[in-house]
N, C-alpha and C. Protein backbone atom coordinates (compact mmCIF):
# COMPACT_ATOMS: atom_id res chain seq x y z
N MET A 1 134.33 36.91 275.82
CA MET A 1 134.03 38.32 275.71
C MET A 1 135.11 39.07 275.00
N PHE A 2 136.37 38.80 275.33
CA PHE A 2 137.49 39.41 274.68
C PHE A 2 137.50 39.14 273.20
N ARG A 3 137.26 37.84 272.82
CA ARG A 3 137.22 37.49 271.41
C ARG A 3 136.14 38.19 270.68
N LEU A 4 134.97 38.39 271.34
CA LEU A 4 133.85 39.05 270.68
C LEU A 4 134.19 40.52 270.42
N LYS A 5 134.89 41.18 271.40
CA LYS A 5 135.29 42.57 271.18
C LYS A 5 136.25 42.63 270.02
N ILE A 6 137.20 41.73 269.91
CA ILE A 6 138.15 41.75 268.81
C ILE A 6 137.45 41.63 267.46
N ALA A 7 136.45 40.72 267.42
CA ALA A 7 135.67 40.53 266.22
C ALA A 7 134.94 41.79 265.80
N TYR A 8 134.36 42.51 266.75
CA TYR A 8 133.64 43.76 266.45
C TYR A 8 134.63 44.84 265.95
N ILE A 9 135.80 44.86 266.59
CA ILE A 9 136.85 45.81 266.15
C ILE A 9 137.25 45.54 264.73
N PHE A 10 137.43 44.27 264.39
CA PHE A 10 137.87 43.86 263.03
C PHE A 10 136.83 44.22 262.00
N LEU A 11 135.54 43.93 262.33
CA LEU A 11 134.45 44.24 261.36
C LEU A 11 134.35 45.77 261.19
N GLY A 12 134.52 46.50 262.25
CA GLY A 12 134.44 47.93 262.13
C GLY A 12 135.58 48.48 261.28
N PHE A 13 136.77 47.92 261.41
CA PHE A 13 137.93 48.31 260.58
C PHE A 13 137.67 48.04 259.12
N CYS A 14 137.15 46.88 258.80
CA CYS A 14 136.80 46.53 257.40
C CYS A 14 135.81 47.44 256.84
N PHE A 15 134.80 47.82 257.68
CA PHE A 15 133.73 48.70 257.21
C PHE A 15 134.28 50.11 256.90
N PHE A 16 135.24 50.54 257.75
CA PHE A 16 135.85 51.85 257.58
C PHE A 16 136.59 51.92 256.23
N LEU A 17 137.21 50.80 255.85
CA LEU A 17 137.95 50.78 254.60
C LEU A 17 137.03 50.68 253.37
N GLY A 18 135.78 50.43 253.55
CA GLY A 18 134.88 50.35 252.49
C GLY A 18 134.16 49.06 252.39
N GLY A 19 134.47 48.11 253.27
CA GLY A 19 133.79 46.82 253.30
C GLY A 19 134.74 45.66 253.23
N CYS A 20 134.45 44.58 253.95
CA CYS A 20 135.21 43.40 253.81
C CYS A 20 134.29 42.35 253.14
N SER A 21 134.80 41.14 252.91
CA SER A 21 134.00 40.20 252.10
C SER A 21 132.60 39.95 252.72
N ALA A 22 132.44 39.95 253.98
CA ALA A 22 131.15 39.72 254.60
C ALA A 22 130.15 40.85 254.34
N GLU A 23 130.65 42.00 253.95
CA GLU A 23 129.79 43.19 253.81
C GLU A 23 129.46 43.49 252.34
N ILE A 24 130.11 42.83 251.44
CA ILE A 24 129.95 43.21 250.05
C ILE A 24 128.64 42.73 249.42
N ALA A 25 127.97 43.60 248.74
CA ALA A 25 126.69 43.24 248.05
C ALA A 25 126.98 42.31 246.91
N ASN A 26 126.07 41.37 246.73
CA ASN A 26 126.17 40.36 245.65
C ASN A 26 127.41 39.47 245.71
N LEU A 27 127.76 39.14 246.99
CA LEU A 27 129.00 38.33 247.17
C LEU A 27 128.94 36.98 246.42
N HIS A 28 127.73 36.45 246.33
CA HIS A 28 127.58 35.18 245.59
C HIS A 28 126.98 35.36 244.20
N SER A 29 127.53 36.34 243.50
CA SER A 29 127.10 36.65 242.16
C SER A 29 127.11 35.45 241.21
N ALA A 30 126.11 35.36 240.42
CA ALA A 30 126.03 34.24 239.44
C ALA A 30 126.69 34.67 238.09
N GLY A 31 127.23 35.87 238.01
CA GLY A 31 127.85 36.31 236.78
C GLY A 31 129.08 35.52 236.48
N THR A 32 129.60 35.74 235.26
CA THR A 32 130.77 35.00 234.74
C THR A 32 132.04 35.75 234.77
N ASN A 33 132.02 37.04 234.32
CA ASN A 33 133.25 37.74 234.03
C ASN A 33 133.71 38.80 235.07
N ILE A 34 135.00 38.96 235.17
CA ILE A 34 135.59 40.08 235.96
C ILE A 34 135.83 41.17 234.93
N ILE A 35 135.34 42.38 235.16
CA ILE A 35 135.50 43.47 234.22
C ILE A 35 136.23 44.61 234.93
N CYS A 36 137.25 45.13 234.30
CA CYS A 36 138.01 46.27 234.79
C CYS A 36 137.49 47.49 233.94
N PHE A 37 136.77 48.37 234.63
CA PHE A 37 136.11 49.48 233.99
C PHE A 37 136.77 50.77 234.41
N GLY A 38 137.49 51.43 233.58
CA GLY A 38 138.19 52.64 234.02
C GLY A 38 138.79 53.46 232.90
N ASN A 39 139.78 54.23 233.22
CA ASN A 39 140.41 55.14 232.26
C ASN A 39 141.78 54.64 231.87
N SER A 40 142.79 55.52 231.69
CA SER A 40 144.10 55.12 231.15
C SER A 40 144.83 54.14 232.03
N ILE A 41 144.63 54.18 233.34
CA ILE A 41 145.33 53.24 234.20
C ILE A 41 144.79 51.84 233.96
N THR A 42 143.47 51.71 233.77
CA THR A 42 142.90 50.42 233.41
C THR A 42 143.28 49.99 231.99
N GLN A 43 143.20 50.90 231.07
CA GLN A 43 143.59 50.59 229.70
C GLN A 43 145.04 50.07 229.60
N GLY A 44 145.87 50.63 230.45
CA GLY A 44 147.31 50.17 230.48
C GLY A 44 148.28 51.11 229.81
N GLU A 45 147.93 52.42 229.69
CA GLU A 45 148.82 53.33 229.09
C GLU A 45 150.17 53.37 229.80
N GLY A 46 151.23 53.26 229.04
CA GLY A 46 152.56 53.21 229.61
C GLY A 46 153.13 51.80 229.70
N SER A 47 152.31 50.79 229.50
CA SER A 47 152.77 49.40 229.59
C SER A 47 153.02 48.83 228.19
N THR A 48 153.74 47.72 228.16
CA THR A 48 153.92 47.02 226.92
C THR A 48 152.77 46.00 226.76
N ALA A 49 152.63 45.42 225.56
CA ALA A 49 151.50 44.52 225.34
C ALA A 49 151.46 43.37 226.33
N GLY A 50 150.27 43.18 226.88
CA GLY A 50 150.06 42.06 227.85
C GLY A 50 150.48 42.38 229.28
N ASN A 51 150.89 43.61 229.54
CA ASN A 51 151.30 43.98 230.85
C ASN A 51 150.46 45.08 231.50
N ASP A 52 149.28 45.35 230.95
CA ASP A 52 148.33 46.21 231.62
C ASP A 52 147.79 45.43 232.85
N TYR A 53 147.25 46.09 233.84
CA TYR A 53 146.94 45.42 235.07
C TYR A 53 145.80 44.43 234.90
N PRO A 54 144.79 44.62 234.05
CA PRO A 54 143.76 43.57 233.86
C PRO A 54 144.37 42.31 233.32
N ALA A 55 145.33 42.36 232.38
CA ALA A 55 145.95 41.12 231.83
C ALA A 55 146.76 40.44 232.92
N LEU A 56 147.49 41.20 233.72
CA LEU A 56 148.27 40.63 234.81
C LEU A 56 147.35 40.02 235.79
N LEU A 57 146.26 40.65 236.12
CA LEU A 57 145.27 40.15 237.12
C LEU A 57 144.68 38.85 236.63
N SER A 58 144.41 38.75 235.34
CA SER A 58 143.80 37.55 234.76
C SER A 58 144.80 36.36 234.95
N ARG A 59 146.05 36.61 234.72
CA ARG A 59 147.03 35.49 234.88
C ARG A 59 147.17 35.14 236.32
N LYS A 60 147.13 36.05 237.24
CA LYS A 60 147.26 35.72 238.65
C LYS A 60 146.02 34.92 239.13
N LEU A 61 144.88 35.30 238.71
CA LEU A 61 143.60 34.67 239.09
C LEU A 61 143.35 33.36 238.37
N GLY A 62 143.85 33.23 237.15
CA GLY A 62 143.53 32.13 236.32
C GLY A 62 142.08 32.23 235.83
N LEU A 63 141.61 33.48 235.64
CA LEU A 63 140.23 33.69 235.25
C LEU A 63 140.18 34.74 234.12
N THR A 64 139.09 34.71 233.41
CA THR A 64 138.91 35.74 232.32
C THR A 64 138.69 37.10 232.99
N VAL A 65 139.46 38.05 232.55
CA VAL A 65 139.33 39.46 233.01
C VAL A 65 139.22 40.34 231.76
N ILE A 66 138.15 41.10 231.66
CA ILE A 66 137.91 41.97 230.47
C ILE A 66 138.44 43.35 230.78
N ASN A 67 139.23 43.83 229.87
CA ASN A 67 139.72 45.24 230.02
C ASN A 67 138.82 46.21 229.32
N ALA A 68 138.06 46.98 230.12
CA ALA A 68 137.12 47.98 229.58
C ALA A 68 137.61 49.37 229.98
N GLY A 69 138.93 49.57 229.79
CA GLY A 69 139.50 50.88 230.07
C GLY A 69 139.63 51.75 228.83
N VAL A 70 139.30 53.08 228.96
CA VAL A 70 139.44 53.98 227.87
C VAL A 70 140.17 55.25 228.45
N SER A 71 141.34 55.56 227.83
CA SER A 71 142.15 56.64 228.29
C SER A 71 141.38 57.96 228.28
N GLY A 72 141.59 58.79 229.29
CA GLY A 72 141.00 60.16 229.37
C GLY A 72 139.61 60.28 229.85
N GLU A 73 138.95 59.19 230.16
CA GLU A 73 137.54 59.25 230.51
C GLU A 73 137.25 59.78 231.89
N THR A 74 136.13 60.44 232.03
CA THR A 74 135.57 60.85 233.32
C THR A 74 134.40 59.98 233.64
N THR A 75 133.85 60.20 234.82
CA THR A 75 132.66 59.44 235.24
C THR A 75 131.45 59.72 234.33
N ARG A 76 131.44 60.95 233.70
CA ARG A 76 130.39 61.25 232.72
C ARG A 76 130.47 60.32 231.54
N ASP A 77 131.74 60.15 231.05
CA ASP A 77 131.93 59.24 229.89
C ASP A 77 131.59 57.78 230.27
N ALA A 78 131.93 57.37 231.50
CA ALA A 78 131.69 56.02 231.94
C ALA A 78 130.21 55.67 231.87
N LEU A 79 129.38 56.60 232.29
CA LEU A 79 127.94 56.29 232.29
C LEU A 79 127.39 56.12 230.90
N LYS A 80 128.02 56.78 229.89
CA LYS A 80 127.56 56.64 228.52
C LYS A 80 127.84 55.26 227.90
N ARG A 81 128.83 54.55 228.46
CA ARG A 81 129.16 53.26 227.84
C ARG A 81 129.02 52.07 228.76
N ILE A 82 128.53 52.28 229.98
CA ILE A 82 128.48 51.19 230.94
C ILE A 82 127.59 50.06 230.52
N GLU A 83 126.49 50.37 229.79
CA GLU A 83 125.57 49.31 229.38
C GLU A 83 126.25 48.32 228.45
N LYS A 84 126.93 48.84 227.40
CA LYS A 84 127.52 47.95 226.42
C LYS A 84 128.85 47.34 226.99
N ASP A 85 129.62 48.05 227.64
CA ASP A 85 130.99 47.59 228.02
C ASP A 85 131.00 46.80 229.34
N VAL A 86 129.97 46.93 230.12
CA VAL A 86 129.93 46.27 231.42
C VAL A 86 128.71 45.40 231.59
N LEU A 87 127.53 46.05 231.59
CA LEU A 87 126.32 45.36 231.98
C LEU A 87 125.94 44.21 231.02
N GLU A 88 126.34 44.39 229.72
CA GLU A 88 125.99 43.34 228.73
C GLU A 88 127.06 42.24 228.67
N GLN A 89 128.04 42.32 229.55
CA GLN A 89 129.16 41.31 229.53
C GLN A 89 129.08 40.27 230.65
N ASP A 90 127.87 40.03 231.15
CA ASP A 90 127.67 39.05 232.21
C ASP A 90 128.68 39.23 233.38
N PRO A 91 128.64 40.41 234.02
CA PRO A 91 129.64 40.67 235.07
C PRO A 91 129.39 39.91 236.33
N ARG A 92 130.49 39.39 236.92
CA ARG A 92 130.47 38.81 238.25
C ARG A 92 131.05 39.80 239.23
N LEU A 93 132.10 40.51 238.87
CA LEU A 93 132.73 41.50 239.71
C LEU A 93 133.27 42.56 238.77
N VAL A 94 133.01 43.84 239.12
CA VAL A 94 133.47 44.96 238.31
C VAL A 94 134.38 45.84 239.13
N ILE A 95 135.58 46.07 238.65
CA ILE A 95 136.53 46.94 239.29
C ILE A 95 136.43 48.33 238.55
N VAL A 96 135.98 49.32 239.33
CA VAL A 96 135.72 50.65 238.80
C VAL A 96 136.88 51.54 239.15
N GLU A 97 137.49 52.17 238.17
CA GLU A 97 138.69 53.03 238.34
C GLU A 97 138.47 54.29 237.57
N PHE A 98 137.72 55.23 238.25
CA PHE A 98 137.46 56.57 237.68
C PHE A 98 137.61 57.56 238.80
N CYS A 99 137.99 58.77 238.49
CA CYS A 99 138.00 59.89 239.44
C CYS A 99 139.04 60.92 239.04
N ALA A 100 140.26 60.42 238.75
CA ALA A 100 141.39 61.33 238.52
C ALA A 100 141.11 62.34 237.40
N ASN A 101 140.46 61.83 236.29
CA ASN A 101 140.21 62.74 235.17
C ASN A 101 139.05 63.72 235.46
N ASP A 102 138.15 63.33 236.40
CA ASP A 102 137.19 64.30 236.86
C ASP A 102 137.83 65.49 237.46
N PHE A 103 138.83 65.20 238.32
CA PHE A 103 139.58 66.30 238.98
C PHE A 103 140.34 67.13 237.95
N LEU A 104 141.02 66.49 236.99
CA LEU A 104 141.82 67.17 236.03
C LEU A 104 140.98 67.98 235.06
N LYS A 105 139.72 67.58 234.79
CA LYS A 105 138.85 68.20 233.84
C LYS A 105 137.78 69.05 234.55
N SER A 106 137.94 69.24 235.84
CA SER A 106 137.08 70.17 236.64
C SER A 106 135.61 69.77 236.65
N VAL A 107 135.35 68.47 236.66
CA VAL A 107 134.01 68.00 236.91
C VAL A 107 133.68 68.31 238.37
N PRO A 108 132.56 68.93 238.65
CA PRO A 108 132.22 69.24 240.08
C PRO A 108 132.29 67.95 240.96
N LYS A 109 132.88 68.09 242.09
CA LYS A 109 133.11 66.91 242.98
C LYS A 109 131.83 66.21 243.31
N GLN A 110 130.77 66.93 243.62
CA GLN A 110 129.52 66.26 243.94
C GLN A 110 128.99 65.47 242.77
N GLU A 111 129.17 66.02 241.52
CA GLU A 111 128.72 65.27 240.38
C GLU A 111 129.51 63.97 240.21
N THR A 112 130.82 64.04 240.47
CA THR A 112 131.58 62.81 240.43
C THR A 112 131.03 61.74 241.39
N PHE A 113 130.74 62.15 242.66
CA PHE A 113 130.18 61.22 243.62
C PHE A 113 128.81 60.68 243.11
N ASP A 114 128.00 61.57 242.60
CA ASP A 114 126.68 61.15 242.11
C ASP A 114 126.84 60.16 240.91
N ASN A 115 127.78 60.43 240.03
CA ASN A 115 127.97 59.50 238.90
C ASN A 115 128.50 58.17 239.36
N LEU A 116 129.39 58.16 240.33
CA LEU A 116 129.90 56.87 240.83
C LEU A 116 128.83 56.13 241.58
N ASP A 117 127.93 56.81 242.29
CA ASP A 117 126.83 56.18 242.94
C ASP A 117 125.93 55.49 241.86
N LYS A 118 125.67 56.16 240.77
CA LYS A 118 124.86 55.54 239.66
C LYS A 118 125.62 54.36 239.06
N ILE A 119 126.89 54.53 238.87
CA ILE A 119 127.69 53.41 238.24
C ILE A 119 127.63 52.16 239.10
N ILE A 120 127.82 52.38 240.43
CA ILE A 120 127.78 51.24 241.35
C ILE A 120 126.40 50.61 241.44
N SER A 121 125.35 51.48 241.45
CA SER A 121 123.97 51.02 241.48
C SER A 121 123.70 50.12 240.32
N LEU A 122 124.08 50.58 239.12
CA LEU A 122 123.82 49.80 237.90
C LEU A 122 124.53 48.45 237.91
N ILE A 123 125.72 48.45 238.38
CA ILE A 123 126.53 47.20 238.48
C ILE A 123 125.84 46.20 239.45
N GLN A 124 125.46 46.73 240.62
CA GLN A 124 124.83 45.88 241.60
C GLN A 124 123.43 45.42 241.18
N ALA A 125 122.71 46.28 240.48
CA ALA A 125 121.35 45.85 240.01
C ALA A 125 121.49 44.73 239.00
N LYS A 126 122.64 44.60 238.36
CA LYS A 126 122.87 43.54 237.43
C LYS A 126 123.26 42.23 238.15
N GLY A 127 123.45 42.35 239.50
CA GLY A 127 123.78 41.15 240.30
C GLY A 127 125.27 40.98 240.52
N ALA A 128 126.10 41.92 240.14
CA ALA A 128 127.56 41.81 240.28
C ALA A 128 128.07 42.54 241.49
N MET A 129 129.25 42.16 241.91
CA MET A 129 129.92 42.82 243.00
C MET A 129 130.61 44.07 242.42
N ALA A 130 130.71 45.15 243.17
CA ALA A 130 131.33 46.37 242.76
C ALA A 130 132.51 46.62 243.62
N VAL A 131 133.68 46.95 242.98
CA VAL A 131 134.92 47.25 243.64
C VAL A 131 135.38 48.57 243.12
N PHE A 132 135.77 49.51 244.04
CA PHE A 132 136.32 50.77 243.57
C PHE A 132 137.76 50.83 243.84
N ALA A 133 138.60 50.88 242.75
CA ALA A 133 140.08 51.01 242.82
C ALA A 133 140.38 52.46 242.62
N TYR A 134 140.86 53.10 243.69
CA TYR A 134 141.04 54.51 243.69
C TYR A 134 142.43 55.00 243.33
N VAL A 135 142.52 55.94 242.38
CA VAL A 135 143.76 56.61 242.09
C VAL A 135 143.69 57.99 242.77
N ARG A 136 144.59 58.26 243.66
CA ARG A 136 144.57 59.49 244.40
C ARG A 136 144.48 60.70 243.54
N SER A 137 143.58 61.64 243.89
CA SER A 137 143.40 62.88 243.11
C SER A 137 143.79 64.07 244.02
N GLY A 138 144.08 65.18 243.31
CA GLY A 138 144.51 66.36 244.06
C GLY A 138 146.04 66.42 244.11
N TYR A 139 146.55 67.65 244.35
CA TYR A 139 147.99 67.83 244.33
C TYR A 139 148.57 67.91 245.77
N LEU A 140 147.96 68.80 246.61
CA LEU A 140 148.51 68.96 247.98
C LEU A 140 147.73 68.14 248.96
N GLU A 141 146.44 67.86 248.65
CA GLU A 141 145.65 67.03 249.57
C GLU A 141 144.65 66.21 248.71
N ASP A 142 144.20 65.18 249.34
CA ASP A 142 143.25 64.30 248.62
C ASP A 142 141.84 64.83 248.88
N GLU A 143 141.19 65.30 247.79
CA GLU A 143 139.88 65.93 247.95
C GLU A 143 138.74 64.99 247.84
N TYR A 144 139.03 63.74 247.60
CA TYR A 144 137.89 62.77 247.29
C TYR A 144 137.79 61.57 248.24
N VAL A 145 138.89 61.22 248.89
CA VAL A 145 138.98 59.93 249.53
C VAL A 145 137.90 59.70 250.62
N ASP A 146 137.65 60.73 251.44
CA ASP A 146 136.66 60.54 252.55
C ASP A 146 135.24 60.34 251.97
N GLY A 147 134.87 61.09 250.97
CA GLY A 147 133.57 60.93 250.36
C GLY A 147 133.43 59.56 249.66
N LEU A 148 134.51 59.11 249.04
CA LEU A 148 134.47 57.82 248.38
C LEU A 148 134.36 56.68 249.36
N LYS A 149 135.02 56.79 250.48
CA LYS A 149 134.90 55.78 251.50
C LYS A 149 133.46 55.72 252.03
N ARG A 150 132.83 56.88 252.20
CA ARG A 150 131.43 56.90 252.63
C ARG A 150 130.54 56.30 251.61
N LEU A 151 130.77 56.57 250.33
CA LEU A 151 129.95 56.02 249.26
C LEU A 151 130.10 54.48 249.22
N ALA A 152 131.36 54.01 249.41
CA ALA A 152 131.59 52.54 249.40
C ALA A 152 130.83 51.89 250.51
N ARG A 153 130.87 52.46 251.72
CA ARG A 153 130.13 51.87 252.81
C ARG A 153 128.63 51.89 252.55
N LYS A 154 128.12 53.01 252.03
CA LYS A 154 126.72 53.08 251.73
C LYS A 154 126.27 52.06 250.72
N LYS A 155 127.08 51.81 249.72
CA LYS A 155 126.71 50.91 248.63
C LYS A 155 127.15 49.48 248.89
N ARG A 156 127.85 49.23 249.96
CA ARG A 156 128.42 47.90 250.26
C ARG A 156 129.30 47.44 249.08
N ALA A 157 130.15 48.32 248.68
CA ALA A 157 131.19 48.03 247.66
C ALA A 157 132.61 47.99 248.31
N LEU A 158 133.49 47.28 247.73
CA LEU A 158 134.84 47.22 248.27
C LEU A 158 135.60 48.42 247.79
N PHE A 159 136.33 49.08 248.69
CA PHE A 159 137.15 50.23 248.32
C PHE A 159 138.62 49.87 248.50
N ILE A 160 139.40 50.08 247.43
CA ILE A 160 140.82 49.81 247.49
C ILE A 160 141.51 51.17 247.35
N PRO A 161 142.11 51.63 248.43
CA PRO A 161 142.68 52.99 248.39
C PRO A 161 143.99 53.09 247.67
N ASN A 162 144.20 54.21 246.94
CA ASN A 162 145.48 54.66 246.41
C ASN A 162 146.26 53.51 245.75
N ILE A 163 145.72 52.96 244.70
CA ILE A 163 146.41 51.85 243.98
C ILE A 163 147.70 52.31 243.32
N MET A 164 147.88 53.64 243.17
CA MET A 164 149.11 54.17 242.53
C MET A 164 150.12 54.61 243.60
N GLY A 165 149.84 54.32 244.88
CA GLY A 165 150.70 54.75 245.97
C GLY A 165 152.16 54.30 245.74
N GLY A 166 153.07 55.27 245.80
CA GLY A 166 154.51 55.00 245.72
C GLY A 166 155.00 54.80 244.26
N ILE A 167 154.15 54.97 243.34
CA ILE A 167 154.55 54.68 241.93
C ILE A 167 155.07 55.96 241.22
N LEU A 168 154.33 57.05 241.40
CA LEU A 168 154.58 58.24 240.57
C LEU A 168 156.02 58.77 240.80
N LEU A 169 156.54 58.71 242.00
CA LEU A 169 157.85 59.29 242.28
C LEU A 169 158.95 58.25 242.30
N ASN A 170 158.64 57.05 241.81
CA ASN A 170 159.68 56.00 241.78
C ASN A 170 160.08 55.73 240.32
N PRO A 171 161.27 56.09 239.91
CA PRO A 171 161.66 55.95 238.52
C PRO A 171 161.68 54.49 238.03
N GLU A 172 161.69 53.56 238.98
CA GLU A 172 161.68 52.15 238.56
C GLU A 172 160.27 51.69 238.24
N LEU A 173 159.25 52.45 238.60
CA LEU A 173 157.85 52.07 238.48
C LEU A 173 157.07 52.91 237.49
N ILE A 174 157.65 54.02 237.08
CA ILE A 174 156.87 54.99 236.25
C ILE A 174 157.39 54.95 234.85
N SER A 175 156.51 55.21 233.88
CA SER A 175 156.85 55.18 232.47
C SER A 175 157.49 56.54 232.09
N SER A 176 157.89 56.68 230.85
CA SER A 176 158.60 57.82 230.35
C SER A 176 157.75 59.09 230.42
N ASP A 177 156.41 58.94 230.43
CA ASP A 177 155.55 60.14 230.41
C ASP A 177 155.42 60.71 231.84
N GLN A 178 155.98 60.03 232.85
CA GLN A 178 155.95 60.52 234.25
C GLN A 178 154.54 60.59 234.87
N VAL A 179 153.61 59.97 234.22
CA VAL A 179 152.20 60.00 234.67
C VAL A 179 151.67 58.57 234.91
N HIS A 180 152.04 57.67 233.98
CA HIS A 180 151.49 56.33 234.00
C HIS A 180 152.56 55.32 234.43
N PRO A 181 152.14 54.21 235.06
CA PRO A 181 153.12 53.21 235.43
C PRO A 181 153.79 52.54 234.26
N ASN A 182 154.94 51.95 234.45
CA ASN A 182 155.56 51.04 233.47
C ASN A 182 155.14 49.65 233.80
N ASP A 183 155.69 48.66 233.15
CA ASP A 183 155.28 47.25 233.38
C ASP A 183 155.42 46.88 234.83
N GLN A 184 156.49 47.25 235.46
CA GLN A 184 156.71 46.92 236.84
C GLN A 184 155.71 47.63 237.79
N GLY A 185 155.35 48.87 237.43
CA GLY A 185 154.35 49.61 238.19
C GLY A 185 153.00 48.94 238.06
N TYR A 186 152.65 48.46 236.91
CA TYR A 186 151.37 47.76 236.73
C TYR A 186 151.37 46.42 237.44
N ARG A 187 152.49 45.81 237.54
CA ARG A 187 152.56 44.56 238.30
C ARG A 187 152.18 44.81 239.80
N LEU A 188 152.67 45.98 240.28
CA LEU A 188 152.36 46.30 241.68
C LEU A 188 150.89 46.62 241.84
N ILE A 189 150.27 47.31 240.90
CA ILE A 189 148.83 47.60 240.97
C ILE A 189 148.03 46.29 240.88
N ALA A 190 148.44 45.37 239.98
CA ALA A 190 147.72 44.15 239.84
C ALA A 190 147.84 43.34 241.14
N GLU A 191 148.97 43.36 241.78
CA GLU A 191 149.13 42.61 243.05
C GLU A 191 148.27 43.17 244.16
N ARG A 192 148.16 44.50 244.23
CA ARG A 192 147.30 45.18 245.21
C ARG A 192 145.84 44.82 245.00
N ILE A 193 145.46 44.89 243.78
CA ILE A 193 143.99 44.53 243.47
C ILE A 193 143.72 43.08 243.68
N TYR A 194 144.63 42.24 243.24
CA TYR A 194 144.52 40.77 243.46
C TYR A 194 144.32 40.41 244.96
N THR A 195 145.15 41.01 245.77
CA THR A 195 145.11 40.75 247.20
C THR A 195 143.76 41.19 247.79
N ALA A 196 143.25 42.31 247.29
CA ALA A 196 141.94 42.84 247.80
C ALA A 196 140.76 42.02 247.39
N ILE A 197 140.74 41.57 246.08
CA ILE A 197 139.53 40.90 245.58
C ILE A 197 139.59 39.36 245.74
N ARG A 198 140.71 38.82 245.96
CA ARG A 198 140.76 37.33 246.11
C ARG A 198 139.78 36.75 247.10
N PRO A 199 139.59 37.35 248.23
CA PRO A 199 138.61 36.78 249.20
C PRO A 199 137.21 36.81 248.67
N LEU A 200 136.89 37.76 247.76
CA LEU A 200 135.54 37.85 247.18
C LEU A 200 135.28 36.72 246.18
N LEU A 201 136.31 36.11 245.69
CA LEU A 201 136.15 35.17 244.60
C LEU A 201 136.33 33.70 245.10
N GLY A 202 136.53 33.57 246.41
CA GLY A 202 136.71 32.20 246.97
C GLY A 202 138.02 31.61 246.62
N LYS A 203 139.02 32.45 246.29
CA LYS A 203 140.34 31.92 245.87
C LYS A 203 141.22 31.81 247.08
């Protein structure tokens, strides 16, 4: 009985975070590629060649990882190119990294949630797993995180919170623009994402 209670507590904790491997939709995806779909953090702004997080993740996993990051994009922009850059690339698992530019460009918060819901739905309809890698938004408080956790639970997508945590204020991890990580910062992001998705890939 005690072990059963512990199991339920563990499953509940995973679900609160956005899902654990047993909860993720399309866990046994027949797709081929891992695709990183996002904005400047995914593109690798601030890094040197070959040190963006998708490239680092590819080396850690020993698998092909496609970098589909475009600097400055919002969720509106993402929907315009998801067909070509993601759905036509035989996705197995898609790491979605959008939200911060929606905040900076004053996209209404509910529209951001609706756009992300559509993005995840399109990915899952293609038979791929969806992972949301979140970059904290807002200055004094996080205006998105609770809604995004609810969305991840609803869609059975994995939610990775605050992948930039501890980077912005650390001079050893941030690039000269004081906004994007440097190579060492991207290594930390890649490690966080690798740790989160590895169970989904049977590694």
